[in-house]
Amino acid sequence: MRILLTIVFILIALSENLSAQNDFFKLDKQIKDFYSKGDFKNLKKTADIMLSQGIDYYYLRFRLGMLAYNKRLYSCASNNLKKAVEFNSLDTISRECIYYCFLFSGRQADANLYLESLYDDKKSNEIKSLETPGFSPTVYAGSAFAVYNVTLYKIHKLYYEAIQNSLAINAGIESHFLNRFKGTVVYTSFHKNETVYSAVDTLGRAINFAQNQIYAKLDGYLFPGWTFSVFDHSAFYTDQVTQGPPFNRETINIAKAEYDFGVGVSKNGWKIRTGANLSFSNFSNSNQIRSEAYLTYLPFSNLNLYLTTGGMYQTDNNWGGTYQINEEIGFKVKKFLWIEAGVINGNSFLYARNQGSFMNNSFLIPATTIYGNFIILSGNHLIFTLTPFFTKNYIYSWNLNAYTRTDKLISNSAGANIKLTYKFK
């Protein structure tokens, strides 16, 4: 009897094993068929069934990863190709695709770090042909202009700034170096034609204001996915000051410098990218401390669609707290064309944004800005960006001694920014 029971148990175990093997061969055949047809949706469903049953092997991960890569689903591709490499350490193709997953999703620094981590015997021929980044500069030049509708007074005894038009011309260079660092330097020549009223110029004084700006930033990539930054934005200009007794006043030029200095950190994931920075500035004979943060969501882990929300809050020694918030959506239209659209709202003046890359050291308040970016790629090196914008500005009469403002006016402005970028590598 005991021998009979043993035989029965053995036969049951063998039948279950044969059934499991049949299920495996059946599912594996489906995986092969879906892969050959490029059917990612059904391949993933079948792979999920196998994984839920504890079935996991090299070709399952490789096929799933490669099909996800071809569909530009870089998060799914990277995760599965990394598993494939765990099963087969000789798989150089998967490592090559992981590198390009980082690169094509806009994570160049992480691509560089991944490339740096690979030994030569782990690289495909394609990866071996790539040079280490070294000095790989990107240069750009651009111009931004805006025109305003303004209100002029016959006489006004407080500080009032009526800007007729503005023009900025800039040029910059940035480059990764040593794989773990990127430097950026930008020069801007800023001009605005305006009429300024004050207690000593009650009839208004027409000014062609000129300002030179230098922006510098250093990014460090010490850990995959993380970026640490330091930045400075300095502005140099000449201020005309009228002094002396009535009917014998003289105007003298005083050289002035204003700056914004800060530090930042960001985390770049496949679908979520976020960052924050803290900065200090000395605009308009005052001091400001500000914090800024943003969150970007990429639902497909690629650059085909992304949504960004962000905000800034600052305190000013003389003027108290102010803020700005922004929303933006970006999406791919064609292989060579991306479009972004956004809106910015707030009540801030004398502020900096985007890790100091944009500076507004003026008493003009851009309450609402609507803009669009048209990004056109020409080949592998040239990028043309056109940014039209419309802004509703709040203009006040400012008492610079009592730190109060009155007589709110609305001044609309419109303009555009043109930028040409060239990547050497």
Protein backbone atom coordinates (compact mmCIF):
# COMPACT_ATOMS: atom_id res chain seq x y z
CA MET A 1 0.00 0.00 0.00
CA ARG A 2 2.78 2.41 0.93
CA ILE A 3 4.59 1.70 -2.34
CA LEU A 4 1.37 2.34 -4.27
CA LEU A 5 0.83 5.72 -2.60
CA THR A 6 4.44 6.70 -3.34
CA ILE A 7 3.96 5.84 -7.02
CA VAL A 8 0.73 7.90 -7.13
CA PHE A 9 2.48 10.97 -5.60
CA ILE A 10 5.37 10.63 -8.05
CA LEU A 11 2.98 10.45 -11.00
CA ILE A 12 1.08 13.54 -9.76
CA ALA A 13 4.33 15.48 -9.33
CA LEU A 14 5.50 14.47 -12.80
CA SER A 15 2.18 15.49 -14.36
CA GLU A 16 2.30 18.89 -12.62
CA ASN A 17 5.89 19.39 -13.76
CA LEU A 18 4.98 18.46 -17.34
CA SER A 19 2.00 20.84 -17.18
CA ALA A 20 4.22 23.67 -15.91
CA GLN A 21 6.72 22.96 -18.68
CA ASN A 22 3.94 22.99 -21.26
CA ASP A 23 2.69 26.32 -19.88
CA PHE A 24 6.21 27.72 -20.04
CA PHE A 25 6.76 26.62 -23.65
CA LYS A 26 3.35 27.96 -24.61
CA LEU A 27 3.94 31.37 -23.00
CA ASP A 28 7.51 31.54 -24.29
CA LYS A 29 6.26 30.93 -27.84
CA GLN A 30 3.77 33.76 -27.39
CA ILE A 31 6.58 36.02 -26.20
CA LYS A 32 8.60 35.19 -29.33
CA ASP A 33 5.60 35.77 -31.63
CA PHE A 34 4.66 39.12 -30.05
CA TYR A 35 8.29 40.23 -30.17
CA SER A 36 8.65 39.38 -33.87
CA LYS A 37 5.43 41.30 -34.62
CA GLY A 38 6.46 44.30 -32.51
CA ASP A 39 3.30 43.87 -30.37
CA PHE A 40 4.46 45.47 -27.12
CA LYS A 41 1.02 45.56 -25.50
CA ASN A 42 0.40 41.80 -25.69
CA LEU A 43 4.05 40.96 -25.02
CA LYS A 44 3.87 42.90 -21.78
CA LYS A 45 0.61 41.23 -20.75
CA THR A 46 2.14 37.80 -21.33
CA ALA A 47 5.34 38.80 -19.53
CA ASP A 48 3.30 39.96 -16.54
CA ILE A 49 1.59 36.55 -16.39
CA MET A 50 4.95 34.75 -16.45
CA LEU A 51 6.48 37.03 -13.82
CA SER A 52 3.43 36.57 -11.56
CA GLN A 53 4.08 32.80 -11.74
CA GLY A 54 7.71 33.28 -10.77
CA ILE A 55 9.03 32.70 -14.30
CA ASP A 56 11.86 35.07 -15.09
CA TYR A 57 14.70 34.57 -17.57
CA TYR A 58 17.04 36.42 -19.91
CA TYR A 59 15.12 36.37 -23.19
CA LEU A 60 11.90 37.48 -21.46
CA ARG A 61 13.60 40.59 -20.09
CA PHE A 62 15.63 41.24 -23.24
CA ARG A 63 12.64 41.09 -25.59
CA LEU A 64 10.45 43.15 -23.29
CA GLY A 65 13.20 45.74 -22.84
CA MET A 66 14.04 46.01 -26.53
CA LEU A 67 10.42 46.40 -27.59
CA ALA A 68 9.89 49.06 -24.90
CA TYR A 69 13.04 50.80 -26.16
CA ASN A 70 11.72 50.82 -29.73
CA LYS A 71 8.46 52.31 -28.42
CA ARG A 72 10.48 55.03 -26.60
CA LEU A 73 9.20 53.80 -23.22
CA TYR A 74 12.58 54.37 -21.65
CA SER A 75 11.69 53.65 -18.02
CA CYS A 76 10.27 50.21 -18.85
CA ALA A 77 13.12 49.54 -21.27
CA SER A 78 15.85 50.43 -18.79
CA ASN A 79 14.36 48.38 -15.94
CA ASN A 80 14.01 45.25 -18.05
CA LEU A 81 17.35 45.57 -19.83
CA LYS A 82 19.09 45.89 -16.47
CA LYS A 83 17.43 42.60 -15.46
CA ALA A 84 18.59 41.05 -18.73
CA VAL A 85 22.17 42.05 -17.93
CA GLU A 86 21.83 40.36 -14.53
CA PHE A 87 20.94 37.09 -16.31
CA ASN A 88 23.64 37.49 -18.97
CA SER A 89 26.70 39.54 -18.05
CA LEU A 90 28.01 39.22 -21.63
CA ASP A 91 25.05 41.14 -23.05
CA THR A 92 26.59 44.35 -24.43
CA ILE A 93 23.55 45.27 -26.55
CA SER A 94 21.35 45.76 -23.48
CA ARG A 95 23.99 48.01 -21.91
CA GLU A 96 24.16 50.06 -25.11
CA CYS A 97 20.38 50.55 -25.08
CA ILE A 98 20.40 51.52 -21.39
CA TYR A 99 22.88 54.27 -22.25
CA TYR A 100 20.61 55.57 -25.00
CA CYS A 101 17.58 55.35 -22.70
CA PHE A 102 19.24 57.96 -20.50
CA LEU A 103 20.37 60.04 -23.45
CA PHE A 104 17.08 60.11 -25.39
CA SER A 105 15.05 60.94 -22.30
CA GLY A 106 17.09 64.10 -21.75
CA ARG A 107 19.31 62.76 -18.97
CA GLN A 108 22.70 63.37 -20.55
CA ALA A 109 24.57 63.58 -17.25
CA ASP A 110 23.24 60.18 -16.17
CA ALA A 111 24.13 58.76 -19.59
CA ASN A 112 27.69 60.01 -19.09
CA LEU A 113 27.89 58.49 -15.60
CA TYR A 114 26.56 55.16 -16.88
CA LEU A 115 29.09 55.15 -19.71
CA GLU A 116 31.85 55.91 -17.21
CA SER A 117 30.80 52.92 -15.06
CA LEU A 118 31.23 50.35 -17.88
CA TYR A 119 34.44 48.40 -18.41
CA ASP A 120 35.59 47.92 -22.00
CA ASP A 121 34.54 44.26 -22.09
CA LYS A 122 31.00 45.30 -21.13
CA LYS A 123 30.65 47.76 -24.04
CA SER A 124 29.24 47.10 -27.47
CA ASN A 125 31.20 48.26 -30.52
CA GLU A 126 28.84 51.23 -30.80
CA ILE A 127 29.51 52.28 -27.20
CA LYS A 128 33.26 51.78 -27.63
CA SER A 129 33.20 54.19 -30.57
CA LEU A 130 31.79 56.97 -28.38
CA GLU A 131 34.30 59.38 -27.00
CA THR A 132 34.14 60.29 -23.36
CA PRO A 133 32.33 63.64 -23.14
CA GLY A 134 35.31 65.75 -22.15
CA PHE A 135 34.84 69.31 -23.38
CA SER A 136 31.63 69.13 -25.44
CA PRO A 137 30.42 72.71 -25.76
CA THR A 138 27.01 74.01 -26.69
CA VAL A 139 26.95 77.65 -27.75
CA TYR A 140 23.94 79.86 -28.26
CA ALA A 141 23.00 83.43 -29.07
CA GLY A 142 19.66 85.17 -28.92
CA SER A 143 17.69 88.35 -28.66
CA ALA A 144 14.52 89.32 -26.79
CA PHE A 145 12.47 92.43 -27.40
CA ALA A 146 9.24 93.81 -25.99
CA VAL A 147 7.04 96.87 -26.52
CA TYR A 148 4.76 98.37 -23.89
CA ASN A 149 1.70 100.60 -23.81
CA VAL A 150 2.48 103.19 -21.14
CA THR A 151 0.86 106.05 -19.25
CA LEU A 152 2.85 109.28 -18.97
CA TYR A 153 2.14 112.09 -16.51
CA LYS A 154 2.49 115.82 -16.93
CA ILE A 155 3.84 115.90 -13.41
CA HIS A 156 4.39 113.19 -10.81
CA LYS A 157 6.14 113.49 -7.44
CA LEU A 158 6.76 109.79 -6.66
CA TYR A 159 8.97 107.21 -8.34
CA TYR A 160 7.22 105.94 -11.47
CA GLU A 161 8.80 103.88 -14.24
CA ALA A 162 7.17 103.95 -17.70
CA ILE A 163 8.99 101.57 -20.06
CA GLN A 164 8.37 102.10 -23.78
CA ASN A 165 10.41 99.18 -25.12
CA SER A 166 13.24 96.84 -24.18
CA LEU A 167 15.86 94.82 -25.99
CA ALA A 168 18.22 92.12 -24.73
CA ILE A 169 21.02 90.49 -26.70
CA ASN A 170 22.77 87.50 -25.18
CA ALA A 171 25.33 84.85 -25.96
CA GLY A 172 26.46 81.89 -23.90
CA ILE A 173 28.33 78.64 -23.74
CA GLU A 174 27.85 75.51 -21.66
CA SER A 175 29.68 72.22 -21.60
CA HIS A 176 29.95 68.96 -19.71
CA PHE A 177 33.48 68.16 -18.57
CA LEU A 178 35.05 65.39 -16.52
CA ASN A 179 31.70 63.54 -16.90
CA ARG A 180 30.53 64.88 -13.54
CA PHE A 181 30.38 68.63 -14.11
CA LYS A 182 28.77 71.13 -16.43
CA GLY A 183 29.60 74.82 -16.62
CA THR A 184 27.46 77.62 -18.07
CA VAL A 185 28.43 81.24 -18.77
CA VAL A 186 26.08 83.78 -20.41
CA TYR A 187 26.59 87.45 -21.24
CA THR A 188 23.58 89.74 -21.76
CA SER A 189 23.43 93.32 -22.99
CA PHE A 190 20.10 94.75 -21.84
CA HIS A 191 18.58 98.07 -22.94
CA LYS A 192 15.28 99.79 -22.26
CA ASN A 193 13.84 103.14 -23.26
CA GLU A 194 11.80 104.59 -20.43
CA THR A 195 10.55 107.71 -18.71
CA VAL A 196 11.26 107.90 -14.99
CA TYR A 197 9.53 110.24 -12.54
CA SER A 198 10.73 110.99 -9.01
CA ALA A 199 10.63 113.67 -6.35
CA VAL A 200 13.52 115.48 -8.04
CA ASP A 201 12.34 114.80 -11.63
CA THR A 202 8.61 115.49 -11.32
CA LEU A 203 8.27 116.26 -15.06
CA GLY A 204 9.82 112.92 -15.96
CA ARG A 205 13.21 112.12 -17.41
CA ALA A 206 13.68 110.11 -20.59
CA ILE A 207 16.36 107.48 -20.13
CA ASN A 208 18.03 105.02 -22.47
CA PHE A 209 19.00 102.53 -19.77
CA ALA A 210 21.84 100.09 -20.46
CA GLN A 211 22.87 97.16 -18.32
CA ASN A 212 25.53 94.45 -18.71
CA GLN A 213 24.82 91.09 -17.14
CA ILE A 214 26.95 88.00 -16.49
CA TYR A 215 25.37 84.70 -15.51
CA ALA A 216 27.49 81.74 -14.39
CA LYS A 217 26.45 78.31 -13.16
CA LEU A 218 28.23 75.10 -12.17
CA ASP A 219 26.37 71.78 -12.07
CA GLY A 220 27.83 68.74 -10.36
CA TYR A 221 26.62 65.14 -10.87
CA LEU A 222 27.95 63.25 -7.88
CA PHE A 223 25.27 60.54 -7.86
CA PRO A 224 23.12 59.14 -10.71
CA GLY A 225 19.92 61.15 -11.02
CA TRP A 226 21.07 63.97 -8.73
CA THR A 227 22.38 67.41 -9.70
CA PHE A 228 23.86 69.99 -7.33
CA SER A 229 24.29 73.57 -8.54
CA VAL A 230 25.78 76.90 -7.59
CA PHE A 231 24.99 80.03 -9.61
CA ASP A 232 25.51 83.77 -9.75
CA HIS A 233 23.87 86.47 -11.85
CA SER A 234 25.46 89.93 -11.71
CA ALA A 235 24.27 93.13 -13.35
CA PHE A 236 26.36 96.26 -13.90
CA TYR A 237 24.93 99.64 -14.86
CA THR A 238 25.24 103.38 -14.37
CA ASP A 239 22.56 105.23 -12.39
CA GLN A 240 21.99 108.92 -12.91
CA VAL A 241 21.39 110.82 -9.67
CA THR A 242 20.26 114.46 -9.50
CA GLN A 243 21.45 116.38 -6.46
CA GLY A 244 21.99 119.91 -5.20
CA PRO A 245 19.72 122.89 -4.37
CA PRO A 246 16.82 123.94 -6.60
CA PHE A 247 17.79 125.74 -9.83
CA ASN A 248 21.38 124.60 -9.35
CA ARG A 249 21.10 120.83 -9.41
CA GLU A 250 23.54 118.60 -11.19
CA THR A 251 23.28 115.07 -12.48
CA ILE A 252 26.08 112.66 -11.71
CA ASN A 253 26.65 109.08 -12.83
CA ILE A 254 27.12 106.38 -10.20
CA ALA A 255 28.30 102.90 -11.13
CA LYS A 256 26.20 100.21 -9.50
CA ALA A 257 26.23 96.43 -9.33
CA GLU A 258 23.45 94.08 -8.32
CA TYR A 259 23.71 90.32 -8.00
CA ASP A 260 21.85 87.14 -7.26
CA PHE A 261 23.71 84.18 -5.74
CA GLY A 262 22.28 80.77 -4.90
CA VAL A 263 22.51 77.00 -4.64
CA GLY A 264 20.20 74.32 -5.99
CA VAL A 265 19.54 70.60 -6.10
CA SER A 266 17.47 68.50 -8.51
CA LYS A 267 16.42 64.87 -8.86
CA ASN A 268 15.91 63.48 -12.37
CA GLY A 269 13.87 60.29 -12.55
CA TRP A 270 12.27 58.64 -15.54
CA LYS A 271 8.81 60.08 -14.97
CA ILE A 272 9.27 62.60 -12.16
CA ARG A 273 11.85 65.36 -12.15
CA THR A 274 11.97 67.90 -9.40
CA GLY A 275 14.30 70.53 -8.02
CA ALA A 276 14.63 73.43 -5.63
CA ASN A 277 16.99 76.33 -5.08
CA LEU A 278 17.65 79.05 -2.56
CA SER A 279 19.16 82.42 -3.50
CA PHE A 280 20.07 85.82 -2.12
CA SER A 281 20.11 89.15 -3.99
CA ASN A 282 20.66 92.86 -3.36
CA PHE A 283 18.35 94.47 -5.92
CA SER A 284 17.45 98.18 -5.64
CA ASN A 285 19.25 99.02 -2.39
CA SER A 286 17.45 96.21 -0.59
CA ASN A 287 18.05 92.51 0.09
CA GLN A 288 15.96 89.55 -1.01
CA ILE A 289 15.94 85.90 -0.02
CA ARG A 290 13.95 83.53 -2.21
CA SER A 291 13.17 79.85 -2.53
CA GLU A 292 12.06 78.22 -5.77
CA ALA A 293 10.86 74.73 -6.66
CA TYR A 294 9.49 72.84 -9.65
CA LEU A 295 8.01 69.45 -10.50
CA THR A 296 8.01 67.94 -14.00
CA TYR A 297 5.93 64.89 -14.91
CA LEU A 298 6.77 62.82 -18.01
CA PRO A 299 3.93 60.26 -18.30
CA PHE A 300 5.71 58.15 -20.94
CA SER A 301 9.25 58.57 -19.55
CA ASN A 302 10.29 60.32 -22.76
CA LEU A 303 10.20 63.87 -24.12
CA ASN A 304 7.05 63.37 -26.19
CA LEU A 305 4.94 64.95 -23.43
CA TYR A 306 5.86 66.70 -20.19
CA LEU A 307 4.10 68.94 -17.71
CA THR A 308 5.81 71.31 -15.29
CA THR A 309 4.51 73.24 -12.32
CA GLY A 310 6.69 75.56 -10.27
CA GLY A 311 6.74 78.48 -7.94
CA MET A 312 8.88 81.04 -6.20
CA TYR A 313 8.43 82.93 -2.94
CA GLN A 314 10.73 85.67 -1.72
CA THR A 315 11.03 88.04 1.20
CA ASP A 316 12.39 91.56 0.76
CA ASN A 317 13.88 93.64 3.57
CA ASN A 318 11.84 96.68 2.55
CA TRP A 319 8.88 95.37 0.57
CA GLY A 320 7.86 92.15 2.31
CA GLY A 321 6.86 88.88 0.65
CA THR A 322 5.97 88.27 -2.99
CA TYR A 323 5.46 85.19 -5.16
CA GLN A 324 5.23 83.71 -8.67
CA ILE A 325 3.71 80.44 -9.87
CA ASN A 326 3.95 78.85 -13.30
CA GLU A 327 2.42 76.02 -15.32
CA GLU A 328 3.83 74.63 -18.57
CA ILE A 329 3.11 71.83 -21.02
CA GLY A 330 5.50 70.61 -23.69
CA PHE A 331 4.99 68.02 -26.41
CA LYS A 332 6.55 66.64 -29.55
CA VAL A 333 4.74 67.46 -32.80
CA LYS A 334 7.21 66.09 -35.33
CA LYS A 335 10.68 64.61 -35.15
CA PHE A 336 12.08 68.11 -35.68
CA LEU A 337 9.45 70.18 -33.82
CA TRP A 338 8.55 70.56 -30.14
CA ILE A 339 6.01 73.04 -28.78
CA GLU A 340 5.77 74.36 -25.23
CA ALA A 341 3.12 76.66 -23.76
CA GLY A 342 2.93 78.20 -20.33
CA VAL A 343 1.49 80.83 -18.04
CA ILE A 344 3.12 82.69 -15.14
CA ASN A 345 1.21 84.56 -12.42
CA GLY A 346 2.31 86.52 -9.38
CA ASN A 347 3.03 89.87 -7.78
CA SER A 348 6.83 89.79 -7.64
CA PHE A 349 9.26 92.49 -8.64
CA LEU A 350 13.02 92.63 -8.01
CA TYR A 351 13.32 88.86 -8.39
CA ALA A 352 15.22 86.06 -10.14
CA ARG A 353 13.92 82.76 -11.57
CA ASN A 354 15.17 79.45 -12.97
CA GLN A 355 18.30 79.20 -10.80
CA GLY A 356 19.06 82.84 -11.48
CA SER A 357 19.08 82.58 -15.27
CA PHE A 358 16.31 85.20 -15.51
CA MET A 359 16.59 88.47 -13.58
CA ASN A 360 14.01 91.23 -13.05
CA ASN A 361 15.59 94.02 -11.03
CA SER A 362 12.84 96.48 -11.96
CA PHE A 363 9.80 97.87 -10.14
CA LEU A 364 7.61 96.72 -13.01
CA ILE A 365 5.41 93.78 -11.94
CA PRO A 366 4.68 91.17 -14.65
CA ALA A 367 1.39 89.99 -13.11
CA THR A 368 0.47 87.50 -15.86
CA THR A 369 2.63 86.22 -18.71
CA ILE A 370 1.46 83.86 -21.43
CA TYR A 371 4.12 82.40 -23.71
CA GLY A 372 4.88 79.69 -26.21
CA ASN A 373 8.11 78.02 -27.31
CA PHE A 374 8.53 76.68 -30.83
CA ILE A 375 11.65 74.47 -30.80
CA ILE A 376 12.89 73.48 -34.26
CA LEU A 377 15.68 70.91 -34.62
CA SER A 378 17.79 71.12 -37.76
CA GLY A 379 20.01 68.05 -37.99
CA ASN A 380 21.90 66.82 -34.96
CA HIS A 381 23.56 70.10 -34.04
CA LEU A 382 21.37 73.15 -34.69
CA ILE A 383 18.32 74.20 -32.65
CA PHE A 384 16.16 77.26 -33.34
CA THR A 385 13.77 78.48 -30.63
CA LEU A 386 11.10 81.15 -31.08
CA THR A 387 9.24 82.39 -27.98
CA PRO A 388 6.40 84.88 -28.44
CA PHE A 389 4.88 86.23 -25.22
CA PHE A 390 2.21 88.57 -23.87
CA THR A 391 2.36 90.15 -20.41
CA LYS A 392 -0.10 92.09 -18.31
CA ASN A 393 2.02 94.39 -16.14
CA TYR A 394 1.05 96.24 -12.96
CA ILE A 395 2.63 99.67 -12.60
CA TYR A 396 2.56 101.64 -9.37
CA SER A 397 3.74 104.95 -7.99
CA TRP A 398 6.39 104.03 -5.45
CA ASN A 399 7.36 105.88 -2.29
CA LEU A 400 10.95 104.70 -1.90
CA ASN A 401 11.28 106.25 1.55
CA ALA A 402 8.11 104.94 3.18
CA TYR A 403 8.18 101.69 1.14
CA THR A 404 4.60 102.01 -0.03
CA ARG A 405 2.93 101.97 -3.44
CA THR A 406 -0.22 103.61 -4.82
CA ASP A 407 -2.08 104.36 -8.07
CA LYS A 408 -2.16 100.93 -9.66
CA LEU A 409 -2.13 100.95 -13.48
CA ILE A 410 -2.20 98.12 -16.02
CA SER A 411 0.25 98.16 -18.92
CA ASN A 412 0.25 95.38 -21.50
CA SER A 413 3.39 94.35 -23.34
CA ALA A 414 4.18 91.91 -26.11
CA GLY A 415 7.38 90.62 -27.60
CA ALA A 416 9.41 87.61 -28.59
CA ASN A 417 12.64 85.85 -27.84
CA ILE A 418 14.76 84.28 -30.58
CA LYS A 419 17.50 81.80 -29.73
CA LEU A 420 19.92 79.85 -31.91
CA THR A 421 21.77 76.91 -30.32
CA TYR A 422 24.61 74.87 -31.78
CA LYS A 423 25.85 71.62 -30.24
CA PHE A 424 29.36 70.64 -31.28
CA LYS A 425 28.87 66.96 -30.30
